[in-house]
Structures are given as C-alpha cells and as structure tokens.
Amino acid sequence: MLLLGRNLGESIVIGDNIYITFVESDKSGYKFKLAIDAPRDVKISRGELYAPDTIQHEKLSKVTVSKKAPHTQEDGERPA
C-alpha cells in the first residue's frame, strides 16, 4: 500500500487517466472531500460498502488512521 500526503488542490494520478484531487477539508483534517476524475468504465466504491467477508474489506481493515491530520504530511512530489 502506498501512502501519500496531499495539500488542498493537489492531485494524485493513477495510470494515465485517473486523477484524484484533494478539494476540501474541515479544520481538524479528519473529514475531507476528494474529486475523482476517471473513465466511466472504472468502478469507484466507498470502502465501507464491501461486505465483511470480502478480500477488499480485509485489506481496508488493515489500514490505520494517524492522529496527525492527513493533509499535513508531505511526500515531496508535485502532480504533473
């Protein structure tokens, strides 16, 4: 799993045609909004919708949340 920090307005690019942009955050940094630009044939789902007995749910359950606000971490990369 790759963990990237982003600031407001910064993006992550997956492949050649999927863009995820950090567009809004509350003051605490624990609630935020992402804009996802992807082809219509790419399935995008919220993780909590997966049933507990699926491999997706197992992978998501291993992710831990830092007490540090997610957008304060820097990874040194800028979007292309």
N, C-alpha and C. Protein backbone atom coordinates (compact mmCIF):
# COMPACT_ATOMS: atom_id res chain seq x y z
N MET A 1 0.85 -1.17 0.00
CA MET A 1 0.00 0.00 0.00
C MET A 1 0.90 1.23 0.00
N LEU A 2 0.55 2.20 -0.81
CA LEU A 2 1.28 3.45 -0.90
C LEU A 2 0.51 4.52 -0.14
N LEU A 3 1.18 5.26 0.73
CA LEU A 3 0.55 6.34 1.49
C LEU A 3 1.16 7.66 1.04
N LEU A 4 0.33 8.56 0.52
CA LEU A 4 0.79 9.86 0.04
C LEU A 4 0.10 10.97 0.80
N GLY A 5 0.82 11.98 1.15
CA GLY A 5 0.22 13.18 1.74
C GLY A 5 -0.05 14.19 0.65
N ARG A 6 -1.15 14.88 0.73
CA ARG A 6 -1.51 15.90 -0.26
C ARG A 6 -2.03 17.13 0.46
N ASN A 7 -1.82 18.27 -0.13
CA ASN A 7 -2.40 19.52 0.36
C ASN A 7 -3.62 19.85 -0.49
N LEU A 8 -4.44 20.76 -0.01
CA LEU A 8 -5.62 21.16 -0.77
C LEU A 8 -5.24 21.56 -2.19
N GLY A 9 -6.00 21.08 -3.15
CA GLY A 9 -5.77 21.40 -4.55
C GLY A 9 -4.76 20.51 -5.25
N GLU A 10 -4.02 19.70 -4.51
CA GLU A 10 -3.04 18.80 -5.11
C GLU A 10 -3.70 17.49 -5.51
N SER A 11 -3.11 16.83 -6.50
CA SER A 11 -3.69 15.62 -7.08
C SER A 11 -2.77 14.43 -6.98
N ILE A 12 -3.37 13.27 -7.17
CA ILE A 12 -2.68 12.00 -7.34
C ILE A 12 -3.15 11.47 -8.68
N VAL A 13 -2.24 10.97 -9.49
CA VAL A 13 -2.59 10.43 -10.80
C VAL A 13 -2.33 8.93 -10.78
N ILE A 14 -3.33 8.15 -11.19
CA ILE A 14 -3.22 6.70 -11.27
C ILE A 14 -3.29 6.32 -12.73
N GLY A 15 -2.24 5.67 -13.21
CA GLY A 15 -2.17 5.34 -14.63
C GLY A 15 -2.10 6.62 -15.45
N ASP A 16 -2.74 6.61 -16.61
CA ASP A 16 -2.73 7.77 -17.48
C ASP A 16 -4.02 8.58 -17.42
N ASN A 17 -5.05 8.05 -16.75
CA ASN A 17 -6.35 8.71 -16.90
C ASN A 17 -7.22 8.76 -15.64
N ILE A 18 -6.64 8.55 -14.48
CA ILE A 18 -7.40 8.66 -13.24
C ILE A 18 -6.73 9.72 -12.36
N TYR A 19 -7.49 10.75 -12.02
CA TYR A 19 -6.99 11.86 -11.21
C TYR A 19 -7.81 11.97 -9.94
N ILE A 20 -7.15 12.02 -8.80
CA ILE A 20 -7.81 12.20 -7.51
C ILE A 20 -7.27 13.49 -6.91
N THR A 21 -8.16 14.45 -6.67
CA THR A 21 -7.75 15.76 -6.17
C THR A 21 -8.37 16.00 -4.80
N PHE A 22 -7.56 16.48 -3.86
CA PHE A 22 -7.99 16.82 -2.51
C PHE A 22 -8.60 18.22 -2.58
N VAL A 23 -9.93 18.32 -2.44
CA VAL A 23 -10.60 19.59 -2.71
C VAL A 23 -11.11 20.34 -1.47
N GLU A 24 -11.29 19.64 -0.36
CA GLU A 24 -11.85 20.32 0.82
C GLU A 24 -11.53 19.53 2.08
N SER A 25 -11.31 20.26 3.18
CA SER A 25 -11.03 19.63 4.46
C SER A 25 -11.65 20.46 5.57
N ASP A 26 -12.12 19.78 6.63
CA ASP A 26 -12.57 20.54 7.79
C ASP A 26 -11.33 20.96 8.60
N LYS A 27 -11.52 21.75 9.60
CA LYS A 27 -10.39 22.29 10.37
C LYS A 27 -9.57 21.20 11.05
N SER A 28 -10.21 20.11 11.45
CA SER A 28 -9.47 19.04 12.14
C SER A 28 -8.62 18.21 11.18
N GLY A 29 -8.99 18.21 9.90
CA GLY A 29 -8.25 17.42 8.92
C GLY A 29 -8.68 15.97 8.85
N TYR A 30 -9.70 15.59 9.61
CA TYR A 30 -10.15 14.20 9.60
C TYR A 30 -11.33 13.96 8.67
N LYS A 31 -11.95 15.00 8.19
CA LYS A 31 -13.05 14.86 7.23
C LYS A 31 -12.68 15.70 6.02
N PHE A 32 -12.71 15.09 4.85
CA PHE A 32 -12.29 15.81 3.66
C PHE A 32 -13.07 15.30 2.45
N LYS A 33 -12.95 16.04 1.36
CA LYS A 33 -13.61 15.65 0.12
C LYS A 33 -12.56 15.47 -0.96
N LEU A 34 -12.77 14.44 -1.77
CA LEU A 34 -11.92 14.14 -2.90
C LEU A 34 -12.72 14.27 -4.18
N ALA A 35 -12.11 14.82 -5.22
CA ALA A 35 -12.71 14.83 -6.55
C ALA A 35 -12.00 13.75 -7.35
N ILE A 36 -12.77 12.85 -7.95
CA ILE A 36 -12.20 11.75 -8.72
C ILE A 36 -12.62 11.88 -10.17
N ASP A 37 -11.63 11.98 -11.05
CA ASP A 37 -11.88 12.07 -12.50
C ASP A 37 -11.34 10.79 -13.11
N ALA A 38 -12.26 9.92 -13.57
CA ALA A 38 -11.87 8.63 -14.11
C ALA A 38 -12.83 8.26 -15.24
N PRO A 39 -12.40 7.39 -16.15
CA PRO A 39 -13.30 6.93 -17.21
C PRO A 39 -14.54 6.25 -16.61
N ARG A 40 -15.64 6.30 -17.34
CA ARG A 40 -16.90 5.73 -16.84
C ARG A 40 -16.82 4.23 -16.57
N ASP A 41 -15.92 3.54 -17.26
CA ASP A 41 -15.84 2.09 -17.06
C ASP A 41 -15.03 1.69 -15.81
N VAL A 42 -14.47 2.65 -15.10
CA VAL A 42 -13.73 2.37 -13.87
C VAL A 42 -14.71 2.39 -12.70
N LYS A 43 -14.80 1.27 -11.99
CA LYS A 43 -15.72 1.18 -10.85
C LYS A 43 -15.08 1.88 -9.64
N ILE A 44 -15.82 2.79 -9.01
CA ILE A 44 -15.36 3.50 -7.82
C ILE A 44 -16.40 3.28 -6.73
N SER A 45 -15.96 2.75 -5.58
CA SER A 45 -16.87 2.45 -4.47
C SER A 45 -16.28 2.94 -3.16
N ARG A 46 -17.14 3.26 -2.22
CA ARG A 46 -16.70 3.57 -0.86
C ARG A 46 -16.34 2.25 -0.18
N GLY A 47 -15.22 2.24 0.55
CA GLY A 47 -14.73 1.01 1.18
C GLY A 47 -15.69 0.39 2.16
N GLU A 48 -16.45 1.21 2.88
CA GLU A 48 -17.35 0.66 3.91
C GLU A 48 -18.53 -0.10 3.31
N LEU A 49 -18.71 -0.04 1.99
CA LEU A 49 -19.81 -0.77 1.35
C LEU A 49 -19.48 -2.24 1.09
N TYR A 50 -18.20 -2.62 1.22
CA TYR A 50 -17.83 -4.01 0.99
C TYR A 50 -18.26 -4.87 2.17
N ALA A 51 -18.77 -6.04 1.88
CA ALA A 51 -19.19 -6.97 2.93
C ALA A 51 -17.97 -7.42 3.73
N PRO A 52 -18.17 -7.71 5.04
CA PRO A 52 -17.05 -8.10 5.91
C PRO A 52 -16.29 -9.35 5.46
N ASP A 53 -16.90 -10.20 4.63
CA ASP A 53 -16.24 -11.45 4.23
C ASP A 53 -15.51 -11.33 2.89
N THR A 54 -15.28 -10.14 2.37
CA THR A 54 -14.60 -9.98 1.09
C THR A 54 -13.14 -9.61 1.30
N ILE A 55 -12.31 -9.89 0.28
CA ILE A 55 -10.89 -9.56 0.34
C ILE A 55 -10.70 -8.04 0.43
N GLN A 56 -11.58 -7.27 -0.24
CA GLN A 56 -11.47 -5.82 -0.17
C GLN A 56 -11.65 -5.33 1.26
N HIS A 57 -12.61 -5.90 1.98
CA HIS A 57 -12.85 -5.49 3.37
C HIS A 57 -11.66 -5.87 4.24
N GLU A 58 -11.08 -7.04 3.99
CA GLU A 58 -9.91 -7.46 4.77
C GLU A 58 -8.75 -6.49 4.57
N LYS A 59 -8.49 -6.07 3.33
CA LYS A 59 -7.40 -5.12 3.06
C LYS A 59 -7.68 -3.78 3.72
N LEU A 60 -8.90 -3.30 3.63
CA LEU A 60 -9.25 -2.00 4.21
C LEU A 60 -9.16 -2.02 5.73
N SER A 61 -9.44 -3.17 6.35
CA SER A 61 -9.42 -3.25 7.81
C SER A 61 -8.01 -3.15 8.36
N LYS A 62 -7.00 -3.35 7.53
CA LYS A 62 -5.60 -3.26 7.96
C LYS A 62 -5.07 -1.83 7.90
N VAL A 63 -5.82 -0.90 7.33
CA VAL A 63 -5.39 0.49 7.23
C VAL A 63 -5.63 1.17 8.57
N THR A 64 -4.63 1.86 9.06
CA THR A 64 -4.77 2.59 10.32
C THR A 64 -4.77 4.09 10.04
N VAL A 65 -5.45 4.83 10.87
CA VAL A 65 -5.56 6.27 10.72
C VAL A 65 -4.64 6.93 11.73
N SER A 66 -3.79 7.81 11.24
CA SER A 66 -2.87 8.55 12.10
C SER A 66 -3.63 9.65 12.83
N LYS A 67 -3.18 10.02 14.02
CA LYS A 67 -3.80 11.13 14.73
C LYS A 67 -3.41 12.46 14.11
N LYS A 68 -2.37 12.45 13.28
CA LYS A 68 -1.94 13.66 12.58
C LYS A 68 -2.90 13.91 11.42
N ALA A 69 -3.25 15.13 11.16
CA ALA A 69 -4.14 15.46 10.05
C ALA A 69 -3.52 14.97 8.75
N PRO A 70 -4.28 14.25 7.91
CA PRO A 70 -3.70 13.63 6.72
C PRO A 70 -3.09 14.62 5.75
N HIS A 71 -3.60 15.82 5.63
CA HIS A 71 -3.08 16.74 4.63
C HIS A 71 -1.85 17.51 5.10
N THR A 72 -1.34 17.24 6.29
CA THR A 72 -0.15 17.93 6.76
C THR A 72 1.12 17.15 6.43
N GLN A 73 0.98 15.93 5.96
CA GLN A 73 2.15 15.13 5.61
C GLN A 73 2.60 15.52 4.20
N GLU A 74 3.89 15.57 3.99
CA GLU A 74 4.44 15.91 2.68
C GLU A 74 5.16 14.69 2.10
N ASP A 75 4.98 14.46 0.82
CA ASP A 75 5.72 13.37 0.18
C ASP A 75 6.75 13.90 -0.80
N GLY A 76 6.84 15.21 -0.98
CA GLY A 76 7.85 15.80 -1.82
C GLY A 76 7.54 15.78 -3.30
N GLU A 77 6.47 15.11 -3.72
CA GLU A 77 6.14 15.06 -5.14
C GLU A 77 5.05 16.06 -5.46
N ARG A 78 5.10 16.60 -6.65
CA ARG A 78 4.08 17.52 -7.14
C ARG A 78 3.37 16.83 -8.30
N PRO A 79 2.08 17.09 -8.49
CA PRO A 79 1.38 16.48 -9.63
C PRO A 79 1.92 17.00 -10.95
N ALA A 80 1.90 16.14 -11.95
CA ALA A 80 2.40 16.52 -13.29
C ALA A 80 1.45 17.47 -13.97
